[in-house]
Amino acid sequence: MKRLLACLCLLLPLSAAAQTDADEAALWAALRDGGHVALIRHALAPGTGDPPEFRVEDCRTQRNLSPAGRAQARAIGERFRANGIGTAAVFSSQWCRCLDTARALALGEVTPFAGLNSFFAGRGDEARHTRAARALIAGQASGPPPRVLVTHQVNITALAGVFPAAGEIIVMRVDGDALSLAGRILTEP
């Protein structure tokens, strides 16, 4: 009996890992098939917020990706390709750390979109940004190619109700104007 319990205990972590892999495979399939959108929090950029002298048109005034963040963004793009998504319609916040993440994904042309800009610490209007992002998503999620939106933690939290890690992929199911969380794909820094 003790051996049986020991064997079952050893299998439980494997079962959870297999379930996680199956869930992740389903999320990648959903992105390939349409009706879903990927929200990605920009890759690693040390710090919080932006300096007081911040200007959206000048990357030198912003918090930017670290070397690890640039590597993380490239690796996220590789994960998309490894899961059958070689091209996507990519939209990004105008912040440099988001644009740099979106470009490093190498999934296609990146379209800057002000509705994905951060509203952290009074930099924008949450309701206006969220409405604009929802309208973009509703108009873009119907079918291939997959839609990828690179933005900020506050924007993703407003849209999905979750607090994403740097570089995390949040997969949202789109049904007209309604969004619901389909799942989360963690990425390594």
N, C-alpha and C. Protein backbone atom coordinates (compact mmCIF):
# COMPACT_ATOMS: atom_id res chain seq x y z
N MET A 1 0.83 -1.20 0.00
CA MET A 1 0.00 0.00 0.00
C MET A 1 0.87 1.25 0.00
N LYS A 2 1.93 1.26 0.82
CA LYS A 2 2.82 2.41 0.87
C LYS A 2 3.48 2.65 -0.49
N ARG A 3 3.85 1.55 -1.15
CA ARG A 3 4.47 1.69 -2.48
C ARG A 3 3.49 2.29 -3.47
N LEU A 4 2.24 1.85 -3.41
CA LEU A 4 1.22 2.38 -4.30
C LEU A 4 1.04 3.87 -4.08
N LEU A 5 0.95 4.27 -2.82
CA LEU A 5 0.81 5.70 -2.50
C LEU A 5 2.03 6.48 -2.97
N ALA A 6 3.21 5.92 -2.76
CA ALA A 6 4.44 6.60 -3.21
C ALA A 6 4.43 6.75 -4.71
N CYS A 7 4.01 5.74 -5.44
CA CYS A 7 3.95 5.82 -6.90
C CYS A 7 2.93 6.87 -7.34
N LEU A 8 1.77 6.89 -6.69
CA LEU A 8 0.76 7.89 -7.04
C LEU A 8 1.26 9.30 -6.76
N CYS A 9 1.94 9.50 -5.67
CA CYS A 9 2.49 10.82 -5.34
C CYS A 9 3.52 11.27 -6.37
N LEU A 10 4.29 10.34 -6.87
CA LEU A 10 5.27 10.68 -7.90
C LEU A 10 4.59 11.04 -9.22
N LEU A 11 3.45 10.42 -9.50
CA LEU A 11 2.76 10.67 -10.76
C LEU A 11 1.97 11.98 -10.74
N LEU A 12 1.53 12.42 -9.59
CA LEU A 12 0.73 13.64 -9.52
C LEU A 12 1.41 14.85 -10.14
N PRO A 13 2.68 15.15 -9.82
CA PRO A 13 3.31 16.29 -10.47
C PRO A 13 3.40 16.10 -11.98
N LEU A 14 3.62 14.89 -12.44
CA LEU A 14 3.69 14.64 -13.88
C LEU A 14 2.33 14.88 -14.51
N SER A 15 1.26 14.47 -13.84
CA SER A 15 -0.08 14.68 -14.36
C SER A 15 -0.39 16.17 -14.45
N ALA A 16 0.00 16.93 -13.43
CA ALA A 16 -0.23 18.37 -13.45
C ALA A 16 0.57 19.02 -14.58
N ALA A 17 1.80 18.57 -14.78
CA ALA A 17 2.61 19.12 -15.87
C ALA A 17 2.01 18.76 -17.21
N ALA A 18 1.54 17.52 -17.36
CA ALA A 18 0.92 17.11 -18.61
C ALA A 18 -0.35 17.92 -18.86
N GLN A 19 -1.12 18.16 -17.82
CA GLN A 19 -2.33 18.96 -17.96
C GLN A 19 -1.98 20.38 -18.39
N THR A 20 -0.94 20.95 -17.79
CA THR A 20 -0.51 22.30 -18.15
C THR A 20 -0.07 22.34 -19.60
N ASP A 21 0.68 21.33 -20.05
CA ASP A 21 1.10 21.26 -21.44
C ASP A 21 -0.10 21.16 -22.37
N ALA A 22 -1.09 20.35 -21.99
CA ALA A 22 -2.30 20.21 -22.80
C ALA A 22 -3.06 21.52 -22.86
N ASP A 23 -3.17 22.20 -21.72
CA ASP A 23 -3.85 23.49 -21.68
C ASP A 23 -3.13 24.50 -22.57
N GLU A 24 -1.81 24.52 -22.49
CA GLU A 24 -1.03 25.46 -23.30
C GLU A 24 -1.19 25.14 -24.78
N ALA A 25 -1.18 23.87 -25.14
CA ALA A 25 -1.37 23.48 -26.54
C ALA A 25 -2.72 23.94 -27.04
N ALA A 26 -3.74 23.85 -26.20
CA ALA A 26 -5.08 24.32 -26.58
C ALA A 26 -5.09 25.83 -26.79
N LEU A 27 -4.34 26.56 -25.98
CA LEU A 27 -4.28 28.02 -26.15
C LEU A 27 -3.59 28.39 -27.47
N TRP A 28 -2.50 27.70 -27.80
CA TRP A 28 -1.82 27.97 -29.07
C TRP A 28 -2.76 27.64 -30.23
N ALA A 29 -3.50 26.54 -30.14
CA ALA A 29 -4.45 26.17 -31.19
C ALA A 29 -5.53 27.24 -31.33
N ALA A 30 -6.02 27.75 -30.21
CA ALA A 30 -7.05 28.79 -30.24
C ALA A 30 -6.53 30.04 -30.94
N LEU A 31 -5.28 30.41 -30.67
CA LEU A 31 -4.71 31.58 -31.35
C LEU A 31 -4.58 31.34 -32.85
N ARG A 32 -4.20 30.14 -33.24
CA ARG A 32 -4.07 29.82 -34.67
C ARG A 32 -5.42 29.83 -35.36
N ASP A 33 -6.47 29.37 -34.66
CA ASP A 33 -7.78 29.18 -35.29
C ASP A 33 -8.64 30.44 -35.36
N GLY A 34 -8.31 31.47 -34.58
CA GLY A 34 -9.09 32.71 -34.61
C GLY A 34 -10.06 32.79 -33.45
N GLY A 35 -10.68 33.95 -33.32
CA GLY A 35 -11.61 34.17 -32.23
C GLY A 35 -10.92 34.39 -30.89
N HIS A 36 -9.59 34.51 -30.92
CA HIS A 36 -8.80 34.75 -29.72
C HIS A 36 -7.73 35.79 -30.04
N VAL A 37 -7.25 36.44 -29.02
CA VAL A 37 -6.19 37.43 -29.18
C VAL A 37 -5.16 37.22 -28.07
N ALA A 38 -3.89 37.48 -28.39
CA ALA A 38 -2.83 37.37 -27.39
C ALA A 38 -2.48 38.76 -26.90
N LEU A 39 -2.58 38.98 -25.60
CA LEU A 39 -2.11 40.20 -24.96
C LEU A 39 -0.78 39.86 -24.32
N ILE A 40 0.25 40.62 -24.65
CA ILE A 40 1.57 40.35 -24.08
C ILE A 40 2.03 41.58 -23.31
N ARG A 41 2.38 41.36 -22.05
CA ARG A 41 3.04 42.43 -21.30
C ARG A 41 4.46 42.53 -21.83
N HIS A 42 4.93 43.75 -22.07
CA HIS A 42 6.29 43.93 -22.58
C HIS A 42 7.28 43.10 -21.79
N ALA A 43 8.38 42.77 -22.43
CA ALA A 43 9.43 41.96 -21.80
C ALA A 43 10.10 42.76 -20.67
N LEU A 44 11.06 42.12 -20.01
CA LEU A 44 11.72 42.70 -18.84
C LEU A 44 12.29 44.10 -19.10
N ALA A 45 11.85 45.03 -18.28
CA ALA A 45 12.33 46.41 -18.30
C ALA A 45 12.45 46.84 -16.84
N PRO A 46 13.64 46.85 -16.29
CA PRO A 46 13.82 47.10 -14.86
C PRO A 46 13.17 48.40 -14.39
N GLY A 47 12.60 48.34 -13.20
CA GLY A 47 12.00 49.52 -12.59
C GLY A 47 10.48 49.47 -12.66
N THR A 48 9.88 50.61 -12.31
CA THR A 48 8.43 50.77 -12.32
C THR A 48 8.10 52.12 -12.92
N GLY A 49 7.09 52.17 -13.76
CA GLY A 49 6.69 53.44 -14.36
C GLY A 49 7.78 54.00 -15.25
N ASP A 50 7.75 55.31 -15.41
CA ASP A 50 8.73 56.01 -16.24
C ASP A 50 9.24 57.24 -15.50
N PRO A 51 10.43 57.72 -15.88
CA PRO A 51 10.99 58.90 -15.23
C PRO A 51 10.10 60.13 -15.45
N PRO A 52 10.24 61.15 -14.60
CA PRO A 52 9.41 62.36 -14.72
C PRO A 52 9.57 63.07 -16.07
N GLU A 53 10.75 62.96 -16.69
CA GLU A 53 10.98 63.65 -17.97
C GLU A 53 10.49 62.84 -19.18
N PHE A 54 9.70 61.78 -18.94
CA PHE A 54 9.21 60.89 -19.97
C PHE A 54 8.59 61.65 -21.15
N ARG A 55 8.98 61.21 -22.36
CA ARG A 55 8.35 61.66 -23.61
C ARG A 55 8.21 60.43 -24.50
N VAL A 56 7.01 60.18 -24.99
CA VAL A 56 6.74 58.97 -25.77
C VAL A 56 7.60 58.90 -27.03
N GLU A 57 7.98 60.03 -27.58
CA GLU A 57 8.76 60.04 -28.82
C GLU A 57 10.27 59.93 -28.58
N ASP A 58 10.71 59.84 -27.33
CA ASP A 58 12.14 59.80 -27.02
C ASP A 58 12.44 58.63 -26.07
N CYS A 59 12.98 57.55 -26.64
CA CYS A 59 13.27 56.35 -25.83
C CYS A 59 14.25 56.62 -24.70
N ARG A 60 15.10 57.63 -24.86
CA ARG A 60 16.09 57.93 -23.81
C ARG A 60 15.43 58.42 -22.53
N THR A 61 14.16 58.85 -22.61
CA THR A 61 13.46 59.36 -21.43
C THR A 61 12.58 58.29 -20.78
N GLN A 62 12.64 57.07 -21.29
CA GLN A 62 11.75 56.00 -20.84
C GLN A 62 12.52 54.87 -20.16
N ARG A 63 11.77 54.06 -19.46
CA ARG A 63 12.29 52.79 -18.95
C ARG A 63 12.30 51.84 -20.14
N ASN A 64 13.43 51.23 -20.40
CA ASN A 64 13.59 50.40 -21.60
C ASN A 64 13.90 48.96 -21.25
N LEU A 65 13.84 48.09 -22.27
CA LEU A 65 14.17 46.68 -22.08
C LEU A 65 15.61 46.53 -21.65
N SER A 66 15.84 45.60 -20.76
CA SER A 66 17.20 45.21 -20.38
C SER A 66 17.70 44.23 -21.44
N PRO A 67 19.01 43.89 -21.43
CA PRO A 67 19.48 42.84 -22.34
C PRO A 67 18.69 41.53 -22.15
N ALA A 68 18.36 41.20 -20.90
CA ALA A 68 17.55 40.00 -20.66
C ALA A 68 16.15 40.17 -21.24
N GLY A 69 15.61 41.38 -21.21
CA GLY A 69 14.30 41.64 -21.80
C GLY A 69 14.31 41.48 -23.31
N ARG A 70 15.36 41.95 -23.96
CA ARG A 70 15.48 41.78 -25.41
C ARG A 70 15.56 40.30 -25.76
N ALA A 71 16.34 39.54 -24.99
CA ALA A 71 16.44 38.09 -25.21
C ALA A 71 15.10 37.41 -24.95
N GLN A 72 14.40 37.85 -23.91
CA GLN A 72 13.10 37.29 -23.60
C GLN A 72 12.12 37.53 -24.75
N ALA A 73 12.11 38.72 -25.31
CA ALA A 73 11.20 39.04 -26.41
C ALA A 73 11.49 38.15 -27.63
N ARG A 74 12.76 37.96 -27.95
CA ARG A 74 13.12 37.08 -29.07
C ARG A 74 12.66 35.64 -28.79
N ALA A 75 12.82 35.20 -27.55
CA ALA A 75 12.41 33.84 -27.18
C ALA A 75 10.88 33.68 -27.27
N ILE A 76 10.14 34.73 -26.94
CA ILE A 76 8.68 34.67 -27.05
C ILE A 76 8.29 34.49 -28.52
N GLY A 77 8.95 35.23 -29.41
CA GLY A 77 8.69 35.06 -30.83
C GLY A 77 8.99 33.64 -31.29
N GLU A 78 10.07 33.06 -30.77
CA GLU A 78 10.42 31.67 -31.10
C GLU A 78 9.33 30.71 -30.61
N ARG A 79 8.74 31.00 -29.46
CA ARG A 79 7.65 30.14 -28.95
C ARG A 79 6.45 30.19 -29.86
N PHE A 80 6.13 31.39 -30.37
CA PHE A 80 5.03 31.49 -31.33
C PHE A 80 5.33 30.61 -32.54
N ARG A 81 6.53 30.73 -33.11
CA ARG A 81 6.89 29.95 -34.29
C ARG A 81 6.90 28.45 -33.99
N ALA A 82 7.40 28.07 -32.82
CA ALA A 82 7.44 26.65 -32.44
C ALA A 82 6.03 26.07 -32.30
N ASN A 83 5.05 26.96 -32.11
CA ASN A 83 3.66 26.53 -31.97
C ASN A 83 2.83 26.85 -33.20
N GLY A 84 3.49 26.96 -34.34
CA GLY A 84 2.80 27.09 -35.62
C GLY A 84 2.32 28.47 -35.99
N ILE A 85 2.82 29.50 -35.31
CA ILE A 85 2.42 30.87 -35.63
C ILE A 85 3.66 31.63 -36.08
N GLY A 86 3.84 31.73 -37.40
CA GLY A 86 5.02 32.39 -37.96
C GLY A 86 4.78 33.85 -38.28
N THR A 87 3.53 34.22 -38.47
CA THR A 87 3.18 35.61 -38.73
C THR A 87 1.93 35.95 -37.93
N ALA A 88 1.80 37.22 -37.62
CA ALA A 88 0.64 37.69 -36.86
C ALA A 88 0.40 39.16 -37.19
N ALA A 89 -0.79 39.61 -36.89
CA ALA A 89 -1.09 41.04 -36.92
C ALA A 89 -0.66 41.57 -35.55
N VAL A 90 0.40 42.37 -35.52
CA VAL A 90 1.00 42.80 -34.25
C VAL A 90 0.73 44.28 -34.03
N PHE A 91 0.13 44.59 -32.89
CA PHE A 91 -0.14 45.97 -32.47
C PHE A 91 0.62 46.21 -31.17
N SER A 92 1.05 47.45 -30.96
CA SER A 92 1.86 47.75 -29.79
C SER A 92 1.55 49.13 -29.23
N SER A 93 1.69 49.23 -27.93
CA SER A 93 1.76 50.54 -27.28
C SER A 93 2.88 51.33 -27.96
N GLN A 94 2.79 52.63 -27.88
CA GLN A 94 3.82 53.48 -28.47
C GLN A 94 5.06 53.61 -27.58
N TRP A 95 5.01 53.08 -26.36
CA TRP A 95 6.16 53.10 -25.46
C TRP A 95 7.28 52.25 -26.08
N CYS A 96 8.50 52.69 -25.96
CA CYS A 96 9.64 52.01 -26.58
C CYS A 96 9.80 50.57 -26.11
N ARG A 97 9.56 50.29 -24.82
CA ARG A 97 9.74 48.91 -24.34
C ARG A 97 8.72 47.97 -24.97
N CYS A 98 7.54 48.48 -25.29
CA CYS A 98 6.53 47.66 -25.98
C CYS A 98 6.87 47.49 -27.46
N LEU A 99 7.22 48.60 -28.11
CA LEU A 99 7.60 48.52 -29.52
C LEU A 99 8.80 47.61 -29.72
N ASP A 100 9.79 47.72 -28.83
CA ASP A 100 10.98 46.87 -28.94
C ASP A 100 10.61 45.40 -28.73
N THR A 101 9.72 45.12 -27.79
CA THR A 101 9.25 43.75 -27.58
C THR A 101 8.54 43.25 -28.82
N ALA A 102 7.62 44.05 -29.34
CA ALA A 102 6.82 43.65 -30.50
C ALA A 102 7.72 43.38 -31.71
N ARG A 103 8.69 44.24 -31.94
CA ARG A 103 9.59 44.05 -33.08
C ARG A 103 10.46 42.81 -32.90
N ALA A 104 10.93 42.57 -31.69
CA ALA A 104 11.81 41.42 -31.43
C ALA A 104 11.06 40.09 -31.59
N LEU A 105 9.73 40.10 -31.49
CA LEU A 105 8.96 38.89 -31.72
C LEU A 105 9.16 38.39 -33.15
N ALA A 106 9.39 39.34 -34.07
CA ALA A 106 9.63 39.01 -35.49
C ALA A 106 8.47 38.20 -36.07
N LEU A 107 7.25 38.65 -35.79
CA LEU A 107 6.06 37.97 -36.31
C LEU A 107 5.41 38.75 -37.44
N GLY A 108 5.94 39.92 -37.77
CA GLY A 108 5.36 40.73 -38.82
C GLY A 108 5.47 42.20 -38.49
N GLU A 109 4.91 43.00 -39.38
CA GLU A 109 4.93 44.45 -39.20
C GLU A 109 4.23 44.81 -37.89
N VAL A 110 4.80 45.79 -37.20
CA VAL A 110 4.24 46.24 -35.92
C VAL A 110 3.50 47.56 -36.14
N THR A 111 2.25 47.61 -35.70
CA THR A 111 1.44 48.82 -35.81
C THR A 111 1.33 49.47 -34.43
N PRO A 112 1.93 50.65 -34.26
CA PRO A 112 1.76 51.36 -32.99
C PRO A 112 0.29 51.76 -32.81
N PHE A 113 -0.22 51.63 -31.61
CA PHE A 113 -1.63 51.93 -31.34
C PHE A 113 -1.74 52.62 -29.99
N ALA A 114 -2.15 53.88 -29.99
CA ALA A 114 -2.21 54.69 -28.77
C ALA A 114 -3.14 54.10 -27.71
N GLY A 115 -4.15 53.37 -28.11
CA GLY A 115 -5.07 52.75 -27.15
C GLY A 115 -4.42 51.70 -26.28
N LEU A 116 -3.21 51.27 -26.64
CA LEU A 116 -2.46 50.30 -25.83
C LEU A 116 -1.43 50.97 -24.94
N ASN A 117 -1.34 52.30 -25.02
CA ASN A 117 -0.38 53.04 -24.18
C ASN A 117 -0.76 52.93 -22.71
N SER A 118 0.24 53.01 -21.87
CA SER A 118 0.04 52.89 -20.43
C SER A 118 -0.75 54.08 -19.88
N PHE A 119 -1.55 53.79 -18.87
CA PHE A 119 -2.21 54.87 -18.13
C PHE A 119 -1.75 54.86 -16.67
N PHE A 120 -0.64 54.15 -16.39
CA PHE A 120 -0.07 54.09 -15.05
C PHE A 120 0.33 55.48 -14.59
N ALA A 121 0.08 55.79 -13.35
CA ALA A 121 0.50 57.04 -12.70
C ALA A 121 0.02 58.28 -13.47
N GLY A 122 -1.21 58.22 -13.97
CA GLY A 122 -1.80 59.39 -14.60
C GLY A 122 -1.29 59.69 -16.00
N ARG A 123 -0.66 58.74 -16.66
CA ARG A 123 -0.14 58.98 -18.02
C ARG A 123 -1.24 58.94 -19.07
N GLY A 124 -2.42 58.51 -18.71
CA GLY A 124 -3.53 58.44 -19.66
C GLY A 124 -4.82 58.12 -18.93
N ASP A 125 -5.89 58.06 -19.69
CA ASP A 125 -7.22 57.81 -19.13
C ASP A 125 -7.56 56.33 -19.28
N GLU A 126 -7.71 55.63 -18.15
CA GLU A 126 -7.95 54.20 -18.18
C GLU A 126 -9.17 53.83 -19.01
N ALA A 127 -10.29 54.50 -18.79
CA ALA A 127 -11.53 54.15 -19.51
C ALA A 127 -11.36 54.35 -21.01
N ARG A 128 -10.74 55.44 -21.42
CA ARG A 128 -10.56 55.72 -22.85
C ARG A 128 -9.63 54.70 -23.50
N HIS A 129 -8.52 54.40 -22.83
CA HIS A 129 -7.57 53.41 -23.37
C HIS A 129 -8.22 52.03 -23.47
N THR A 130 -8.95 51.65 -22.44
CA THR A 130 -9.57 50.33 -22.42
C THR A 130 -10.64 50.22 -23.50
N ARG A 131 -11.45 51.26 -23.69
CA ARG A 131 -12.45 51.25 -24.78
C ARG A 131 -11.77 51.11 -26.14
N ALA A 132 -10.70 51.87 -26.36
CA ALA A 132 -9.98 51.81 -27.64
C ALA A 132 -9.38 50.43 -27.87
N ALA A 133 -8.80 49.83 -26.83
CA ALA A 133 -8.21 48.49 -26.96
C ALA A 133 -9.30 47.46 -27.24
N ARG A 134 -10.43 47.56 -26.55
CA ARG A 134 -11.54 46.64 -26.79
C ARG A 134 -12.05 46.76 -28.22
N ALA A 135 -12.16 47.98 -28.72
CA ALA A 135 -12.62 48.18 -30.10
C ALA A 135 -11.63 47.57 -31.09
N LEU A 136 -10.34 47.75 -30.85
CA LEU A 136 -9.31 47.15 -31.70
C LEU A 136 -9.44 45.63 -31.69
N ILE A 137 -9.57 45.06 -30.51
CA ILE A 137 -9.67 43.61 -30.38
C ILE A 137 -10.92 43.09 -31.09
N ALA A 138 -12.06 43.73 -30.88
CA ALA A 138 -13.31 43.27 -31.49
C ALA A 138 -13.21 43.30 -33.02
N GLY A 139 -12.49 44.27 -33.56
CA GLY A 139 -12.36 44.39 -35.00
C GLY A 139 -11.27 43.54 -35.60
N GLN A 140 -10.45 42.89 -34.77
CA GLN A 140 -9.27 42.17 -35.28
C GLN A 140 -9.25 40.68 -34.98
N ALA A 141 -10.17 40.15 -34.23
CA ALA A 141 -10.00 38.78 -33.72
C ALA A 141 -10.68 37.69 -34.53
N SER A 142 -11.24 38.00 -35.68
CA SER A 142 -12.08 37.02 -36.37
C SER A 142 -11.35 35.79 -36.90
N GLY A 143 -10.18 35.93 -37.46
CA GLY A 143 -9.53 34.76 -38.02
C GLY A 143 -8.07 35.02 -38.29
N PRO A 144 -7.44 34.09 -38.99
CA PRO A 144 -6.01 34.23 -39.27
C PRO A 144 -5.73 35.53 -40.01
N PRO A 145 -4.57 36.13 -39.84
CA PRO A 145 -3.53 35.68 -38.94
C PRO A 145 -3.88 36.00 -37.48
N PRO A 146 -3.23 35.33 -36.56
CA PRO A 146 -3.47 35.63 -35.14
C PRO A 146 -3.18 37.09 -34.82
N ARG A 147 -3.84 37.59 -33.80
CA ARG A 147 -3.66 38.98 -33.35
C ARG A 147 -2.84 38.97 -32.07
N VAL A 148 -1.82 39.83 -32.04
CA VAL A 148 -0.92 39.95 -30.90
C VAL A 148 -0.86 41.42 -30.51
N LEU A 149 -1.17 41.72 -29.26
CA LEU A 149 -1.14 43.09 -28.76
C LEU A 149 -0.12 43.17 -27.63
N VAL A 150 0.89 44.02 -27.79
CA VAL A 150 1.93 44.19 -26.78
C VAL A 150 1.64 45.48 -26.02
N THR A 151 1.49 45.37 -24.72
CA THR A 151 1.08 46.52 -23.92
C THR A 151 1.67 46.42 -22.52
N HIS A 152 1.01 47.02 -21.56
CA HIS A 152 1.52 47.19 -20.19
C HIS A 152 0.65 46.42 -19.20
N GLN A 153 1.19 46.20 -18.01
CA GLN A 153 0.47 45.49 -16.96
C GLN A 153 -0.89 46.11 -16.69
N VAL A 154 -0.94 47.44 -16.51
CA VAL A 154 -2.22 48.07 -16.15
C VAL A 154 -3.27 47.87 -17.23
N ASN A 155 -2.86 47.91 -18.48
CA ASN A 155 -3.80 47.74 -19.58
C ASN A 155 -4.35 46.31 -19.61
N ILE A 156 -3.44 45.34 -19.43
CA ILE A 156 -3.87 43.94 -19.43
C ILE A 156 -4.76 43.65 -18.23
N THR A 157 -4.42 44.20 -17.09
CA THR A 157 -5.25 44.00 -15.90
C THR A 157 -6.65 44.57 -16.13
N ALA A 158 -6.75 45.73 -16.77
CA ALA A 158 -8.06 46.33 -17.05
C ALA A 158 -8.87 45.48 -18.03
N LEU A 159 -8.20 44.86 -18.99
CA LEU A 159 -8.89 44.06 -20.00
C LEU A 159 -9.19 42.63 -19.54
N ALA A 160 -8.26 42.04 -18.80
CA ALA A 160 -8.36 40.61 -18.49
C ALA A 160 -8.59 40.29 -17.02
N GLY A 161 -8.37 41.27 -16.15
CA GLY A 161 -8.55 41.03 -14.73
C GLY A 161 -7.44 40.22 -14.09
N VAL A 162 -6.27 40.14 -14.75
CA VAL A 162 -5.13 39.42 -14.20
C VAL A 162 -3.93 40.35 -14.16
N PHE A 163 -2.97 40.02 -13.30
CA PHE A 163 -1.73 40.78 -13.18
C PHE A 163 -0.64 39.97 -13.87
N PRO A 164 -0.27 40.33 -15.12
CA PRO A 164 0.69 39.52 -15.87
C PRO A 164 2.13 39.80 -15.48
N ALA A 165 2.97 38.79 -15.60
CA ALA A 165 4.41 38.94 -15.43
C ALA A 165 4.98 39.55 -16.71
N ALA A 166 6.19 40.06 -16.64
CA ALA A 166 6.86 40.58 -17.83
C ALA A 166 6.94 39.47 -18.88
N GLY A 167 6.50 39.77 -20.09
CA GLY A 167 6.55 38.81 -21.18
C GLY A 167 5.47 37.75 -21.15
N GLU A 168 4.58 37.78 -20.18
CA GLU A 168 3.53 36.75 -20.12
C GLU A 168 2.51 36.98 -21.24
N ILE A 169 2.02 35.88 -21.80
CA ILE A 169 1.02 35.92 -22.87
C ILE A 169 -0.33 35.59 -22.25
N ILE A 170 -1.26 36.51 -22.37
CA ILE A 170 -2.62 36.32 -21.88
C ILE A 170 -3.49 36.08 -23.11
N VAL A 171 -4.14 34.93 -23.18
CA VAL A 171 -4.98 34.60 -24.32
C VAL A 171 -6.43 34.89 -23.94
N MET A 172 -7.04 35.76 -24.75
CA MET A 172 -8.43 36.16 -24.52
C MET A 172 -9.33 35.62 -25.61
N ARG A 173 -10.47 35.07 -25.22
CA ARG A 173 -11.51 34.65 -26.16
C ARG A 173 -12.31 35.90 -26.51
N VAL A 174 -12.58 36.08 -27.79
CA VAL A 174 -13.32 37.25 -28.26
C VAL A 174 -14.63 36.78 -28.86
N ASP A 175 -15.72 37.33 -28.32
CA ASP A 175 -17.05 37.01 -28.83
C ASP A 175 -17.76 38.35 -29.03
N GLY A 176 -17.63 38.91 -30.24
CA GLY A 176 -18.16 40.25 -30.50
C GLY A 176 -17.40 41.26 -29.67
N ASP A 177 -18.13 41.96 -28.80
CA ASP A 177 -17.50 42.95 -27.92
C ASP A 177 -17.08 42.34 -26.58
N ALA A 178 -17.46 41.09 -26.36
CA ALA A 178 -17.17 40.45 -25.07
C ALA A 178 -15.79 39.77 -25.10
N LEU A 179 -15.05 39.96 -24.02
CA LEU A 179 -13.74 39.32 -23.85
C LEU A 179 -13.81 38.43 -22.61
N SER A 180 -13.20 37.26 -22.72
CA SER A 180 -13.06 36.41 -21.53
C SER A 180 -11.71 35.74 -21.56
N LEU A 181 -11.18 35.50 -20.39
CA LEU A 181 -9.87 34.91 -20.25
C LEU A 181 -9.91 33.44 -20.65
N ALA A 182 -9.11 33.10 -21.67
CA ALA A 182 -9.00 31.69 -22.09
C ALA A 182 -7.86 31.01 -21.34
N GLY A 183 -6.79 31.75 -21.05
CA GLY A 183 -5.68 31.17 -20.32
C GLY A 183 -4.44 32.02 -20.39
N ARG A 184 -3.39 31.53 -19.72
CA ARG A 184 -2.13 32.27 -19.60
C ARG A 184 -0.97 31.37 -20.01
N ILE A 185 0.00 31.97 -20.72
CA ILE A 185 1.20 31.26 -21.10
C ILE A 185 2.38 32.01 -20.51
N LEU A 186 3.05 31.38 -19.56
CA LEU A 186 4.22 32.00 -18.93
C LEU A 186 5.42 31.89 -19.84
N THR A 187 6.28 32.86 -19.78
CA THR A 187 7.53 32.84 -20.53
C THR A 187 8.68 33.06 -19.57
N GLU A 188 9.82 32.57 -19.94
CA GLU A 188 11.01 32.71 -19.09
C GLU A 188 11.68 34.05 -19.33
N PRO A 189 12.16 34.69 -18.27
CA PRO A 189 12.90 35.95 -18.48
C PRO A 189 14.26 35.69 -19.09
